[in-house]
Amino acid sequence: MTSAEMTPDYRCYLVTSGTERHTVEVAAAAAHAGAGVVQVRAKEASAAELLALTIAVADAVAQANPATRVLVDDRTDIAYAACLAGAAVHGVHLGQDDLPVRPARELLGPDAIIGLTTGTLALVEQALALASVVDYIGAGPYRKTPTKDSGRPPLGVDGYRPIVAVSSLPVVAIGDITPVDVPALAATGIAGVALVRALMASPDPGAVVRAVLANFR
């Protein structure tokens, strides 16, 4: 588990897309505006490409806002390699088919941030059995999204209430969420929302971040 000083602000959580300079620029803008977490996600990239992107994002985010935590999607090995390269990478977000969380924790150490994807009460219960090594759970999709097909039915707002009720871990909602959705989602007790297209496609990512944060105050 992460130490207290490393605990992220999950309220506005950027999941990146793409591998170009735009990805790095949006990550920096989101961090500067107060996004607490940036997850580097580029499922089609090679290991070398993902490592280079992760280091570039981590460097830009560290300059924009040192309090923002940078995680790598799926790839514990890339997070580890980026740390070895001196990048400010703080952990990994793992899916159900990725490296199990216990060996990920062994590799990344006790202060790393480790998130685990869920989206059903059964998956949440499995995650809670790993609460000694997991820091937060992602839960989704909120609505069906073209960026990732989880195979799970959309939760909608009401689907988060029972998840929050049983979870001792912070819950981050994900799945085609926009700032308009945030007030109702925040009222369920979730720790934050993960945004992909709402930030990556925005002409003003900072404004989106500020709008999201305002709804969690």
C-alpha atoms as a PDB file:
ATOM      1  CA  MET A   1       0.000   0.000   0.000  1.00  0.00           C
ATOM      2  CA  THR A   2       1.131   3.541  -0.633  1.00  0.00           C
ATOM      3  CA  SER A   3       2.326   5.727   2.190  1.00  0.00           C
ATOM      4  CA  ALA A   4       0.109   8.591   3.296  1.00  0.00           C
ATOM      5  CA  GLU A   5       2.152  11.252   1.518  1.00  0.00           C
ATOM      6  CA  MET A   6       1.847   9.318  -1.757  1.00  0.00           C
ATOM      7  CA  THR A   7      -1.934   8.915  -1.620  1.00  0.00           C
ATOM      8  CA  PRO A   8      -3.315  10.306  -4.892  1.00  0.00           C
ATOM      9  CA  ASP A   9      -6.170  12.688  -5.419  1.00  0.00           C
ATOM     10  CA  TYR A  10      -8.390  10.476  -7.557  1.00  0.00           C
ATOM     11  CA  ARG A  11     -11.105  13.061  -8.251  1.00  0.00           C
ATOM     12  CA  CYS A  12      -9.937  13.828 -11.796  1.00  0.00           C
ATOM     13  CA  TYR A  13      -7.990  10.980 -13.356  1.00  0.00           C
ATOM     14  CA  LEU A  14      -6.755  11.234 -16.940  1.00  0.00           C
ATOM     15  CA  VAL A  15      -6.342   8.089 -19.025  1.00  0.00           C
ATOM     16  CA  THR A  16      -4.309   9.007 -22.067  1.00  0.00           C
ATOM     17  CA  SER A  17      -4.694   7.849 -25.650  1.00  0.00           C
ATOM     18  CA  GLY A  18      -2.296   8.119 -28.544  1.00  0.00           C
ATOM     19  CA  THR A  19       1.480   8.230 -28.619  1.00  0.00           C
ATOM     20  CA  GLU A  20       2.178  11.622 -30.172  1.00  0.00           C
ATOM     21  CA  ARG A  21       3.273  14.905 -28.649  1.00  0.00           C
ATOM     22  CA  HIS A  22      -0.397  15.790 -28.160  1.00  0.00           C
ATOM     23  CA  THR A  23      -0.631  13.038 -25.542  1.00  0.00           C
ATOM     24  CA  VAL A  24       2.230  14.542 -23.554  1.00  0.00           C
ATOM     25  CA  GLU A  25       0.804  18.053 -23.873  1.00  0.00           C
ATOM     26  CA  VAL A  26      -2.665  17.047 -22.642  1.00  0.00           C
ATOM     27  CA  ALA A  27      -1.153  15.152 -19.717  1.00  0.00           C
ATOM     28  CA  ALA A  28       0.852  18.216 -18.696  1.00  0.00           C
ATOM     29  CA  ALA A  29      -2.141  20.539 -19.076  1.00  0.00           C
ATOM     30  CA  ALA A  30      -4.354  18.246 -17.010  1.00  0.00           C
ATOM     31  CA  ALA A  31      -1.732  17.967 -14.286  1.00  0.00           C
ATOM     32  CA  HIS A  32      -1.204  21.721 -14.225  1.00  0.00           C
ATOM     33  CA  ALA A  33      -4.955  22.223 -13.717  1.00  0.00           C
ATOM     34  CA  GLY A  34      -5.010  19.783 -10.794  1.00  0.00           C
ATOM     35  CA  ALA A  35      -5.645  16.291 -12.156  1.00  0.00           C
ATOM     36  CA  GLY A  36      -4.400  13.969  -9.444  1.00  0.00           C
ATOM     37  CA  VAL A  37      -3.585  10.960 -11.617  1.00  0.00           C
ATOM     38  CA  VAL A  38      -2.406  10.461 -15.188  1.00  0.00           C
ATOM     39  CA  GLN A  39      -2.517   6.905 -16.492  1.00  0.00           C
ATOM     40  CA  VAL A  40      -0.454   6.269 -19.621  1.00  0.00           C
ATOM     41  CA  ARG A  41      -2.440   3.936 -21.861  1.00  0.00           C
ATOM     42  CA  ALA A  42      -1.358   2.990 -25.384  1.00  0.00           C
ATOM     43  CA  LYS A  43      -2.398  -0.599 -25.961  1.00  0.00           C
ATOM     44  CA  GLU A  44      -1.172  -0.744 -29.550  1.00  0.00           C
ATOM     45  CA  ALA A  45       2.306   0.631 -28.803  1.00  0.00           C
ATOM     46  CA  SER A  46       5.371  -1.580 -28.690  1.00  0.00           C
ATOM     47  CA  ALA A  47       7.193  -1.939 -25.378  1.00  0.00           C
ATOM     48  CA  ALA A  48       9.864   0.488 -26.539  1.00  0.00           C
ATOM     49  CA  GLU A  49       7.275   3.023 -27.715  1.00  0.00           C
ATOM     50  CA  LEU A  50       5.297   2.755 -24.482  1.00  0.00           C
ATOM     51  CA  LEU A  51       8.414   3.189 -22.374  1.00  0.00           C
ATOM     52  CA  ALA A  52       9.444   6.292 -24.300  1.00  0.00           C
ATOM     53  CA  LEU A  53       5.927   7.721 -24.030  1.00  0.00           C
ATOM     54  CA  THR A  54       5.735   6.953 -20.314  1.00  0.00           C
ATOM     55  CA  ILE A  55       9.014   8.717 -19.625  1.00  0.00           C
ATOM     56  CA  ALA A  56       7.984  11.737 -21.715  1.00  0.00           C
ATOM     57  CA  VAL A  57       4.609  11.985 -19.953  1.00  0.00           C
ATOM     58  CA  ALA A  58       6.172  11.524 -16.519  1.00  0.00           C
ATOM     59  CA  ASP A  59       8.749  14.239 -17.161  1.00  0.00           C
ATOM     60  CA  ALA A  60       6.129  16.688 -18.443  1.00  0.00           C
ATOM     61  CA  VAL A  61       3.726  15.961 -15.592  1.00  0.00           C
ATOM     62  CA  ALA A  62       6.457  16.324 -12.967  1.00  0.00           C
ATOM     63  CA  GLN A  63       7.262  19.783 -14.324  1.00  0.00           C
ATOM     64  CA  ALA A  64       3.591  20.782 -14.494  1.00  0.00           C
ATOM     65  CA  ASN A  65       2.539  19.480 -11.078  1.00  0.00           C
ATOM     66  CA  PRO A  66       4.784  17.263  -8.936  1.00  0.00           C
ATOM     67  CA  ALA A  67       1.756  16.188  -6.884  1.00  0.00           C
ATOM     68  CA  THR A  68       0.169  14.411  -9.869  1.00  0.00           C
ATOM     69  CA  ARG A  69       0.783  10.661  -9.850  1.00  0.00           C
ATOM     70  CA  VAL A  70       1.712   8.870 -13.085  1.00  0.00           C
ATOM     71  CA  LEU A  71       0.636   5.261 -13.588  1.00  0.00           C
ATOM     72  CA  VAL A  72       1.091   2.855 -16.482  1.00  0.00           C
ATOM     73  CA  ASP A  73      -1.831   0.876 -17.839  1.00  0.00           C
ATOM     74  CA  ASP A  74      -1.409  -2.922 -17.773  1.00  0.00           C
ATOM     75  CA  ARG A  75       2.386  -3.031 -18.018  1.00  0.00           C
ATOM     76  CA  THR A  76       4.164  -3.511 -14.696  1.00  0.00           C
ATOM     77  CA  ASP A  77       7.394  -4.085 -16.605  1.00  0.00           C
ATOM     78  CA  ILE A  78       7.158  -0.683 -18.279  1.00  0.00           C
ATOM     79  CA  ALA A  79       6.431   1.062 -14.974  1.00  0.00           C
ATOM     80  CA  TYR A  80       9.475  -0.663 -13.481  1.00  0.00           C
ATOM     81  CA  ALA A  81      11.704   0.207 -16.432  1.00  0.00           C
ATOM     82  CA  ALA A  82      10.585   3.839 -16.344  1.00  0.00           C
ATOM     83  CA  CYS A  83      11.429   4.033 -12.658  1.00  0.00           C
ATOM     84  CA  LEU A  84      14.850   2.557 -13.358  1.00  0.00           C
ATOM     85  CA  ALA A  85      15.341   5.294 -15.954  1.00  0.00           C
ATOM     86  CA  GLY A  86      14.675   7.890 -13.267  1.00  0.00           C
ATOM     87  CA  ALA A  87      11.198   8.906 -14.416  1.00  0.00           C
ATOM     88  CA  ALA A  88       8.614  10.019 -11.859  1.00  0.00           C
ATOM     89  CA  VAL A  89       6.341   7.007 -12.360  1.00  0.00           C
ATOM     90  CA  HIS A  90       4.367   5.963  -9.323  1.00  0.00           C
ATOM     91  CA  GLY A  91       2.675   2.686 -10.179  1.00  0.00           C
ATOM     92  CA  VAL A  92       0.448   0.679 -12.444  1.00  0.00           C
ATOM     93  CA  HIS A  93      -3.209   0.035 -13.207  1.00  0.00           C
ATOM     94  CA  LEU A  94      -3.903  -3.641 -13.832  1.00  0.00           C
ATOM     95  CA  GLY A  95      -6.725  -5.376 -15.636  1.00  0.00           C
ATOM     96  CA  GLN A  96      -8.117  -8.769 -14.787  1.00  0.00           C
ATOM     97  CA  ASP A  97      -5.880 -10.460 -17.372  1.00  0.00           C
ATOM     98  CA  ASP A  98      -2.657  -8.628 -16.532  1.00  0.00           C
ATOM     99  CA  LEU A  99       0.137  -9.578 -14.147  1.00  0.00           C
ATOM    100  CA  PRO A 100      -1.481 -10.405 -10.781  1.00  0.00           C
ATOM    101  CA  VAL A 101      -1.276  -7.679  -8.187  1.00  0.00           C
ATOM    102  CA  ARG A 102       0.917  -9.562  -5.695  1.00  0.00           C
ATOM    103  CA  PRO A 103       3.907 -10.002  -8.025  1.00  0.00           C
ATOM    104  CA  ALA A 104       3.335  -6.458  -9.293  1.00  0.00           C
ATOM    105  CA  ARG A 105       3.635  -5.244  -5.709  1.00  0.00           C
ATOM    106  CA  GLU A 106       6.768  -7.312  -5.171  1.00  0.00           C
ATOM    107  CA  LEU A 107       8.342  -5.793  -8.276  1.00  0.00           C
ATOM    108  CA  LEU A 108       7.314  -2.169  -7.742  1.00  0.00           C
ATOM    109  CA  GLY A 109       7.690  -2.003  -3.970  1.00  0.00           C
ATOM    110  CA  PRO A 110       5.542  -0.976  -1.011  1.00  0.00           C
ATOM    111  CA  ASP A 111       5.072   2.675  -1.991  1.00  0.00           C
ATOM    112  CA  ALA A 112       3.864   2.043  -5.538  1.00  0.00           C
ATOM    113  CA  ILE A 113       0.254   2.820  -6.399  1.00  0.00           C
ATOM    114  CA  ILE A 114      -1.576  -0.215  -7.753  1.00  0.00           C
ATOM    115  CA  GLY A 115      -5.091  -0.057  -9.161  1.00  0.00           C
ATOM    116  CA  LEU A 116      -7.239  -2.971 -10.281  1.00  0.00           C
ATOM    117  CA  THR A 117     -10.073  -3.015 -12.798  1.00  0.00           C
ATOM    118  CA  THR A 118     -13.482  -4.208 -11.606  1.00  0.00           C
ATOM    119  CA  GLY A 119     -17.047  -3.465 -12.675  1.00  0.00           C
ATOM    120  CA  THR A 120     -19.224  -6.068 -10.989  1.00  0.00           C
ATOM    121  CA  LEU A 121     -19.838  -6.795  -7.322  1.00  0.00           C
ATOM    122  CA  ALA A 122     -18.134 -10.174  -7.734  1.00  0.00           C
ATOM    123  CA  LEU A 123     -14.991  -8.530  -9.116  1.00  0.00           C
ATOM    124  CA  VAL A 124     -15.080  -5.935  -6.345  1.00  0.00           C
ATOM    125  CA  GLU A 125     -15.248  -8.676  -3.729  1.00  0.00           C
ATOM    126  CA  GLN A 126     -12.227 -10.368  -5.331  1.00  0.00           C
ATOM    127  CA  ALA A 127     -10.363  -7.050  -5.266  1.00  0.00           C
ATOM    128  CA  LEU A 128     -11.209  -6.502  -1.612  1.00  0.00           C
ATOM    129  CA  ALA A 129      -9.558  -9.825  -0.798  1.00  0.00           C
ATOM    130  CA  LEU A 130      -6.375  -8.191  -2.140  1.00  0.00           C
ATOM    131  CA  ALA A 131      -6.839  -4.927  -0.240  1.00  0.00           C
ATOM    132  CA  SER A 132      -3.452  -5.297   1.435  1.00  0.00           C
ATOM    133  CA  VAL A 133      -1.738  -4.915  -1.947  1.00  0.00           C
ATOM    134  CA  VAL A 134      -4.255  -2.850  -3.967  1.00  0.00           C
ATOM    135  CA  ASP A 135      -4.703   0.903  -3.460  1.00  0.00           C
ATOM    136  CA  TYR A 136      -7.869   1.596  -5.434  1.00  0.00           C
ATOM    137  CA  ILE A 137     -10.288  -0.041  -7.844  1.00  0.00           C
ATOM    138  CA  GLY A 138     -11.480   1.159 -11.208  1.00  0.00           C
ATOM    139  CA  ALA A 139     -15.131   0.364 -11.870  1.00  0.00           C
ATOM    140  CA  GLY A 140     -16.889   0.528 -15.186  1.00  0.00           C
ATOM    141  CA  PRO A 141     -18.010   1.064 -17.719  1.00  0.00           C
ATOM    142  CA  TYR A 142     -20.274   3.911 -16.686  1.00  0.00           C
ATOM    143  CA  ARG A 143     -21.643   3.799 -20.215  1.00  0.00           C
ATOM    144  CA  LYS A 144     -20.565   1.845 -23.266  1.00  0.00           C
ATOM    145  CA  THR A 145     -17.416   3.339 -24.727  1.00  0.00           C
ATOM    146  CA  PRO A 146     -15.581   2.917 -28.028  1.00  0.00           C
ATOM    147  CA  THR A 147     -12.156   3.203 -26.356  1.00  0.00           C
ATOM    148  CA  LYS A 148     -12.368  -0.125 -24.538  1.00  0.00           C
ATOM    149  CA  ASP A 149     -14.798  -3.053 -24.720  1.00  0.00           C
ATOM    150  CA  SER A 150     -14.801  -4.635 -21.272  1.00  0.00           C
ATOM    151  CA  GLY A 151     -17.586  -7.081 -22.047  1.00  0.00           C
ATOM    152  CA  ARG A 152     -19.402  -5.892 -18.917  1.00  0.00           C
ATOM    153  CA  PRO A 153     -22.785  -4.136 -19.011  1.00  0.00           C
ATOM    154  CA  PRO A 154     -22.766  -0.389 -18.314  1.00  0.00           C
ATOM    155  CA  LEU A 155     -23.218   0.517 -14.660  1.00  0.00           C
ATOM    156  CA  GLY A 156     -24.947   3.872 -14.991  1.00  0.00           C
ATOM    157  CA  VAL A 157     -25.124   6.058 -11.908  1.00  0.00           C
ATOM    158  CA  ASP A 158     -27.103   3.573  -9.846  1.00  0.00           C
ATOM    159  CA  GLY A 159     -24.581   0.812 -10.446  1.00  0.00           C
ATOM    160  CA  TYR A 160     -21.944   2.628  -8.420  1.00  0.00           C
ATOM    161  CA  ARG A 161     -23.930   2.871  -5.202  1.00  0.00           C
ATOM    162  CA  PRO A 162     -23.675  -0.826  -4.214  1.00  0.00           C
ATOM    163  CA  ILE A 163     -20.009  -0.911  -5.268  1.00  0.00           C
ATOM    164  CA  VAL A 164     -19.170   2.084  -3.081  1.00  0.00           C
ATOM    165  CA  ALA A 165     -21.239   0.616  -0.244  1.00  0.00           C
ATOM    166  CA  VAL A 166     -19.179  -2.586  -0.065  1.00  0.00           C
ATOM    167  CA  SER A 167     -15.747  -1.264  -1.032  1.00  0.00           C
ATOM    168  CA  SER A 168     -13.130  -0.357   1.568  1.00  0.00           C
ATOM    169  CA  LEU A 169     -10.947   0.840  -1.328  1.00  0.00           C
ATOM    170  CA  PRO A 170     -11.391   4.109  -3.239  1.00  0.00           C
ATOM    171  CA  VAL A 171     -13.571   3.615  -6.321  1.00  0.00           C
ATOM    172  CA  VAL A 172     -12.781   5.410  -9.588  1.00  0.00           C
ATOM    173  CA  ALA A 173     -15.531   5.411 -12.207  1.00  0.00           C
ATOM    174  CA  ILE A 174     -14.640   5.063 -15.883  1.00  0.00           C
ATOM    175  CA  GLY A 175     -16.414   4.647 -19.198  1.00  0.00           C
ATOM    176  CA  ASP A 176     -17.137   7.569 -21.547  1.00  0.00           C
ATOM    177  CA  ILE A 177     -17.651   9.970 -18.629  1.00  0.00           C
ATOM    178  CA  THR A 178     -18.021  13.681 -19.375  1.00  0.00           C
ATOM    179  CA  PRO A 179     -18.021  16.643 -16.969  1.00  0.00           C
ATOM    180  CA  VAL A 180     -21.819  16.751 -17.207  1.00  0.00           C
ATOM    181  CA  ASP A 181     -21.962  13.290 -15.634  1.00  0.00           C
ATOM    182  CA  VAL A 182     -19.767  14.143 -12.663  1.00  0.00           C
ATOM    183  CA  PRO A 183     -22.255  15.703 -10.183  1.00  0.00           C
ATOM    184  CA  ALA A 184     -24.475  12.613 -10.127  1.00  0.00           C
ATOM    185  CA  LEU A 185     -21.494  10.264  -9.996  1.00  0.00           C
ATOM    186  CA  ALA A 186     -19.783  12.234  -7.228  1.00  0.00           C
ATOM    187  CA  ALA A 187     -22.959  11.958  -5.174  1.00  0.00           C
ATOM    188  CA  THR A 188     -22.622   8.152  -5.121  1.00  0.00           C
ATOM    189  CA  GLY A 189     -19.497   8.414  -2.974  1.00  0.00           C
ATOM    190  CA  ILE A 190     -16.913   7.457  -5.597  1.00  0.00           C
ATOM    191  CA  ALA A 191     -13.386   8.802  -5.121  1.00  0.00           C
ATOM    192  CA  GLY A 192     -13.126  10.134  -8.647  1.00  0.00           C
ATOM    193  CA  VAL A 193     -13.745   9.792 -12.348  1.00  0.00           C
ATOM    194  CA  ALA A 194     -11.376   8.635 -15.067  1.00  0.00           C
ATOM    195  CA  LEU A 195     -11.698  10.554 -18.322  1.00  0.00           C
ATOM    196  CA  VAL A 196     -10.303   9.613 -21.713  1.00  0.00           C
ATOM    197  CA  ARG A 197     -11.939  11.366 -24.665  1.00  0.00           C
ATOM    198  CA  ALA A 198     -13.417  14.172 -22.541  1.00  0.00           C
ATOM    199  CA  LEU A 199      -9.859  15.325 -21.849  1.00  0.00           C
ATOM    200  CA  MET A 200      -7.858  14.029 -24.803  1.00  0.00           C
ATOM    201  CA  ALA A 201     -10.219  15.581 -27.372  1.00  0.00           C
ATOM    202  CA  SER A 202     -10.832  18.825 -25.510  1.00  0.00           C
ATOM    203  CA  PRO A 203      -9.439  22.110 -26.855  1.00  0.00           C
ATOM    204  CA  ASP A 204      -9.021  23.169 -23.199  1.00  0.00           C
ATOM    205  CA  PRO A 205      -8.133  20.185 -20.974  1.00  0.00           C
ATOM    206  CA  GLY A 206      -7.468  22.461 -18.019  1.00  0.00           C
ATOM    207  CA  ALA A 207     -11.042  23.752 -18.073  1.00  0.00           C
ATOM    208  CA  VAL A 208     -12.354  20.187 -18.095  1.00  0.00           C
ATOM    209  CA  VAL A 209     -10.210  19.287 -15.084  1.00  0.00           C
ATOM    210  CA  ARG A 210     -11.370  22.339 -13.157  1.00  0.00           C
ATOM    211  CA  ALA A 211     -15.012  21.552 -13.931  1.00  0.00           C
ATOM    212  CA  VAL A 212     -14.596  17.991 -12.663  1.00  0.00           C
ATOM    213  CA  LEU A 213     -12.831  19.053  -9.473  1.00  0.00           C
ATOM    214  CA  ALA A 214     -15.492  21.643  -8.727  1.00  0.00           C
ATOM    215  CA  ASN A 215     -18.119  18.922  -8.572  1.00  0.00           C
ATOM    216  CA  PHE A 216     -16.235  16.988  -5.903  1.00  0.00           C
ATOM    217  CA  ARG A 217     -15.908  19.928  -3.514  1.00  0.00           C
END
